[in-house]
Structures are given as C-alpha cells and as structure tokens.
Amino acid sequence: MPTPTSCISRCDDRQPSTITITIIHAEERHALNINITMKFATLIDKEKISLWHKNLQDEELDEVTKVLHESKVLNVLDMSSNKLALTNSKFIYAVAKSHTLTILLLNENKLGPKGALALSSVLKCTKTIQTMSLSHNGILADGTRHLASALLTNKSVQFMDLRNNNIGDEGAAYLAASLKKNKCIRGIRLEGNNISDKGAEK
C-alpha cells in the first residue's frame, strides 16, 4: 500500500526537479542562537536567525517583526521549540510580506488549528517562502483544511513538514485535493499523523 508521502508525491505528475532544502543541525543552531534581548540593529544584517528553544511567546516578537519588515538579507528564520501560537498579527503580516525569507521553521510550538489559520494568510501572500516546517503542532484536520485551501493559490512553497499533527484521513484528503491543483509542491512529510492505508490512497 502506498505511504502517505507517496500519495502526496503522486498528486504532481510533472518531471521531477531538484530543489535544495537548507537543514539547520543542532550544532549550527547553537552557533546561530541569538539572545532575544538583542536589538533591531544587531539582527538586521543576519541571513539566518535561530531562536530555537528560547521559550518565546507571541508578545515577545517585536524585534523579529521589525527585522522581517526591513531586512534585505534574511533567508532562514528558525523559531522551533518555543511557545508560539501565532496570535501576533503584526508578526504574521511581516512574515507574509517579507521579500527575502525562504525558510520558515516552526516545529514544536503551540500552533493548533488557529495557528494554521494564521499561516494560511501567509501562504496566500508570500512570494518567497519555499520551505515551511510545522511538525508537532497539533494542527489537526481543521488546521490542515486552512493550509490546504491556501495552497490552492500559493506558488512559492515547495516543501512542507507536517509530521505528527494528528491530521488523520480527513486532513490527508484536504491536502490531496489541494495538490491536484497546486503544481509547485515537491514534497510534504506526513509521518505520525494517524493516516490509514485508505486515507493514503487519496
């Protein structure tokens, strides 16, 4: 039986192409970690900002929001392993309108379906983000519905990580339907989502 990942791959029948996905390993994260008290002037020239495992909450994103608005070089923003629910509308707007951001890592936060709804607005606007990683966020089928709807029109994202979000067969069906129309996605990781063989076949 096909795996959930192979199901997603079959939704795109074009000739395969090669894309590059930047992976930030633990030791690199350590070297890139930036003290959250650092000010805008310190962050503005960074191509990669890692705020991994800083216990960040949404109200603490003012400086990062400023950087997203003004930076001409920021490519990678890693905010994994925090306490973010994406309720900060100014931050969401800044991510959506960034002219340089290509990789957004938000693994292991507290997004839930509402956070996925916020990210759907990013997907509808962004012209630069190619990789969005959202594993371990309790997105569920309802949150996946919001993401899938936004993917109908998104033309920049090529890779998504949705592992361990308990999206089930219902969420997989939303994605499969969306990816029949979206011709930009090259891969979505779906391990650990309680997707049955029947759901994978969709």
Protein backbone atom coordinates (compact mmCIF):
# COMPACT_ATOMS: atom_id res chain seq x y z
CA MET A 1 0.00 0.00 0.00
CA PRO A 2 1.30 3.48 -0.70
CA THR A 3 2.54 5.57 2.16
CA PRO A 4 1.04 9.00 2.92
CA THR A 5 4.17 10.60 1.49
CA SER A 6 3.93 8.68 -1.78
CA CYS A 7 0.27 9.69 -2.02
CA ILE A 8 1.29 13.32 -1.93
CA SER A 9 4.04 12.75 -4.46
CA ARG A 10 1.59 11.19 -6.94
CA CYS A 11 -0.52 14.37 -6.95
CA ASP A 12 2.15 16.05 -9.06
CA ASP A 13 2.84 14.25 -12.34
CA ARG A 14 5.43 16.62 -13.76
CA GLN A 15 9.01 15.73 -14.48
CA PRO A 16 10.99 15.66 -11.22
CA SER A 17 13.24 18.59 -10.48
CA THR A 18 15.92 19.18 -7.91
CA ILE A 19 15.41 21.61 -5.05
CA THR A 20 17.74 22.48 -2.21
CA ILE A 21 16.44 22.49 1.34
CA THR A 22 18.65 24.03 4.00
CA ILE A 23 18.81 21.98 7.18
CA ILE A 24 20.00 23.62 10.39
CA HIS A 25 21.57 20.97 12.61
CA ALA A 26 21.74 21.21 16.39
CA GLU A 27 25.36 22.35 16.45
CA GLU A 28 24.64 25.02 13.84
CA ARG A 29 21.66 26.21 15.83
CA HIS A 30 23.95 26.69 18.80
CA ALA A 31 26.28 28.85 16.73
CA LEU A 32 23.37 30.86 15.31
CA ASN A 33 21.41 31.35 18.52
CA ILE A 34 20.68 35.00 19.17
CA ASN A 35 19.86 36.47 22.54
CA ILE A 36 16.24 37.61 22.43
CA THR A 37 17.22 40.85 24.16
CA MET A 38 19.36 41.84 21.16
CA LYS A 39 18.02 44.88 19.37
CA PHE A 40 17.00 45.50 15.80
CA ALA A 41 20.41 46.90 14.80
CA THR A 42 22.07 43.63 15.80
CA LEU A 43 19.64 41.42 13.87
CA ILE A 44 19.12 43.38 10.69
CA ASP A 45 22.21 42.04 8.88
CA LYS A 46 21.64 38.34 9.69
CA GLU A 47 20.92 35.92 6.84
CA LYS A 48 19.92 33.22 9.34
CA ILE A 49 18.25 33.84 12.68
CA SER A 50 17.81 30.96 15.10
CA LEU A 51 15.60 31.49 18.11
CA TRP A 52 15.30 27.77 18.72
CA HIS A 53 14.22 26.65 22.20
CA LYS A 54 14.01 30.13 23.74
CA ASN A 55 10.58 29.74 25.41
CA LEU A 56 9.32 32.55 23.19
CA GLN A 57 5.71 33.66 23.31
CA ASP A 58 3.86 35.75 20.74
CA GLU A 59 4.16 39.02 22.63
CA GLU A 60 7.97 38.81 22.51
CA LEU A 61 8.34 39.08 18.73
CA ASP A 62 8.64 42.84 18.24
CA GLU A 63 12.31 42.89 17.22
CA VAL A 64 11.94 39.92 14.87
CA THR A 65 8.91 41.61 13.31
CA LYS A 66 10.96 44.74 12.64
CA VAL A 67 13.70 42.66 11.03
CA LEU A 68 11.21 40.90 8.76
CA HIS A 69 9.93 44.27 7.59
CA GLU A 70 13.34 45.83 6.96
CA SER A 71 15.87 43.08 6.25
CA LYS A 72 17.27 42.72 2.75
CA VAL A 73 19.21 39.53 3.54
CA LEU A 74 17.21 37.31 5.96
CA ASN A 75 16.69 33.89 4.38
CA VAL A 76 16.16 31.48 7.28
CA LEU A 77 14.07 32.01 10.41
CA ASP A 78 14.11 29.13 12.89
CA MET A 79 11.67 29.55 15.77
CA SER A 80 11.23 25.88 16.61
CA SER A 81 10.65 24.55 20.13
CA ASN A 82 9.00 27.63 21.62
CA LYS A 83 5.52 28.52 22.90
CA LEU A 84 4.20 30.32 19.84
CA ALA A 85 0.52 30.18 18.91
CA LEU A 86 0.85 32.81 16.15
CA THR A 87 -1.64 35.22 17.68
CA ASN A 88 0.62 38.21 16.94
CA SER A 89 -0.94 39.69 13.81
CA LYS A 90 1.94 42.11 13.23
CA PHE A 91 4.40 39.22 13.12
CA ILE A 92 2.18 37.24 10.74
CA TYR A 93 1.87 40.23 8.43
CA ALA A 94 5.65 40.75 8.46
CA VAL A 95 6.29 37.09 7.55
CA ALA A 96 3.78 37.27 4.71
CA LYS A 97 5.29 40.45 3.28
CA SER A 98 8.98 39.55 3.67
CA HIS A 99 10.85 39.91 0.37
CA THR A 100 13.75 37.64 1.37
CA LEU A 101 12.54 34.85 3.70
CA THR A 102 12.73 31.43 2.04
CA ILE A 103 12.75 29.01 5.00
CA LEU A 104 10.40 29.22 8.00
CA LEU A 105 10.82 26.64 10.77
CA LEU A 106 8.11 26.50 13.44
CA ASN A 107 8.35 22.90 14.65
CA GLU A 108 7.28 22.06 18.19
CA ASN A 109 5.25 25.13 19.07
CA LYS A 110 1.59 25.54 20.07
CA LEU A 111 0.02 26.48 16.76
CA GLY A 112 -3.06 24.29 16.73
CA PRO A 113 -5.79 24.90 14.11
CA LYS A 114 -5.85 28.65 14.84
CA GLY A 115 -2.13 28.95 14.21
CA ALA A 116 -2.59 27.07 10.95
CA LEU A 117 -5.31 29.57 10.02
CA ALA A 118 -2.85 32.41 10.64
CA LEU A 119 -0.27 30.68 8.45
CA SER A 120 -2.83 30.25 5.70
CA SER A 121 -2.82 34.03 5.33
CA VAL A 122 0.95 33.85 4.95
CA LEU A 123 0.63 31.20 2.25
CA LYS A 124 -1.85 33.35 0.35
CA CYS A 125 0.54 36.34 0.30
CA THR A 126 4.14 35.12 0.32
CA LYS A 127 6.13 35.08 -2.88
CA THR A 128 9.41 33.88 -1.37
CA ILE A 129 8.88 31.14 1.24
CA GLN A 130 9.88 27.78 -0.24
CA THR A 131 10.10 25.63 2.89
CA MET A 132 7.65 25.68 5.81
CA SER A 133 8.21 23.23 8.66
CA LEU A 134 5.34 22.79 11.13
CA SER A 135 5.78 19.37 12.75
CA HIS A 136 4.50 18.60 16.27
CA ASN A 137 1.98 21.46 16.49
CA GLY A 138 -1.44 19.86 16.99
CA ILE A 139 -2.72 21.28 13.72
CA LEU A 140 -5.37 18.54 13.31
CA ALA A 141 -7.66 18.11 10.31
CA ASP A 142 -9.28 21.50 10.79
CA GLY A 143 -5.94 23.32 10.65
CA THR A 144 -4.92 21.26 7.64
CA ARG A 145 -8.08 22.41 5.88
CA HIS A 146 -6.93 26.03 6.22
CA LEU A 147 -3.43 25.23 4.92
CA ALA A 148 -4.75 23.17 2.03
CA SER A 149 -7.11 25.95 0.99
CA ALA A 150 -4.24 28.44 0.91
CA LEU A 151 -2.07 26.04 -1.12
CA LEU A 152 -4.60 26.25 -3.95
CA THR A 153 -3.16 29.63 -4.90
CA ASN A 154 0.34 29.58 -3.39
CA LYS A 155 3.13 29.43 -5.97
CA SER A 156 6.28 29.59 -3.85
CA VAL A 157 6.20 26.75 -1.29
CA GLN A 158 7.93 23.58 -2.48
CA PHE A 159 8.30 21.62 0.74
CA MET A 160 6.19 21.32 3.90
CA ASP A 161 6.77 19.29 7.05
CA LEU A 162 3.50 18.37 8.76
CA ARG A 163 4.67 15.36 10.75
CA ASN A 164 2.94 14.46 14.00
CA ASN A 165 -0.02 16.81 13.77
CA ASN A 166 -2.80 14.18 14.04
CA ILE A 167 -4.41 15.29 10.78
CA GLY A 168 -5.88 11.84 10.08
CA ASP A 169 -7.56 10.70 6.88
CA GLU A 170 -9.65 13.86 6.75
CA GLY A 171 -6.61 16.12 6.74
CA ALA A 172 -4.86 13.95 4.17
CA ALA A 173 -7.90 14.26 1.91
CA TYR A 174 -7.79 18.07 2.14
CA LEU A 175 -4.14 18.06 1.10
CA ALA A 176 -4.60 15.57 -1.71
CA ALA A 177 -7.43 17.63 -3.21
CA SER A 178 -5.40 20.81 -2.98
CA LEU A 179 -2.29 19.30 -4.52
CA LYS A 180 -4.17 18.17 -7.58
CA LYS A 181 -4.25 21.86 -8.48
CA ASN A 182 -1.03 23.09 -6.88
CA LYS A 183 1.88 22.31 -9.21
CA CYS A 184 4.65 23.87 -7.13
CA ILE A 185 4.80 21.49 -4.16
CA ARG A 186 7.55 18.87 -4.45
CA GLY A 187 7.06 17.14 -1.11
CA ILE A 188 5.09 17.04 2.14
CA ARG A 189 6.14 14.95 5.14
CA LEU A 190 3.16 13.32 6.85
CA GLU A 191 4.58 10.66 9.16
CA GLY A 192 2.91 10.24 12.54
CA ASN A 193 -0.50 11.60 11.52
CA ASN A 194 -2.77 8.57 12.01
CA ILE A 195 -3.41 8.28 8.29
CA SER A 196 -4.78 4.89 7.31
CA ASP A 197 -3.91 2.99 4.13
CA LYS A 198 -7.25 4.09 2.74
CA GLY A 199 -6.52 7.71 3.55
CA ALA A 200 -3.08 7.43 1.98
CA GLU A 201 -4.59 6.23 -1.29
CA LYS A 202 -6.48 9.51 -1.70
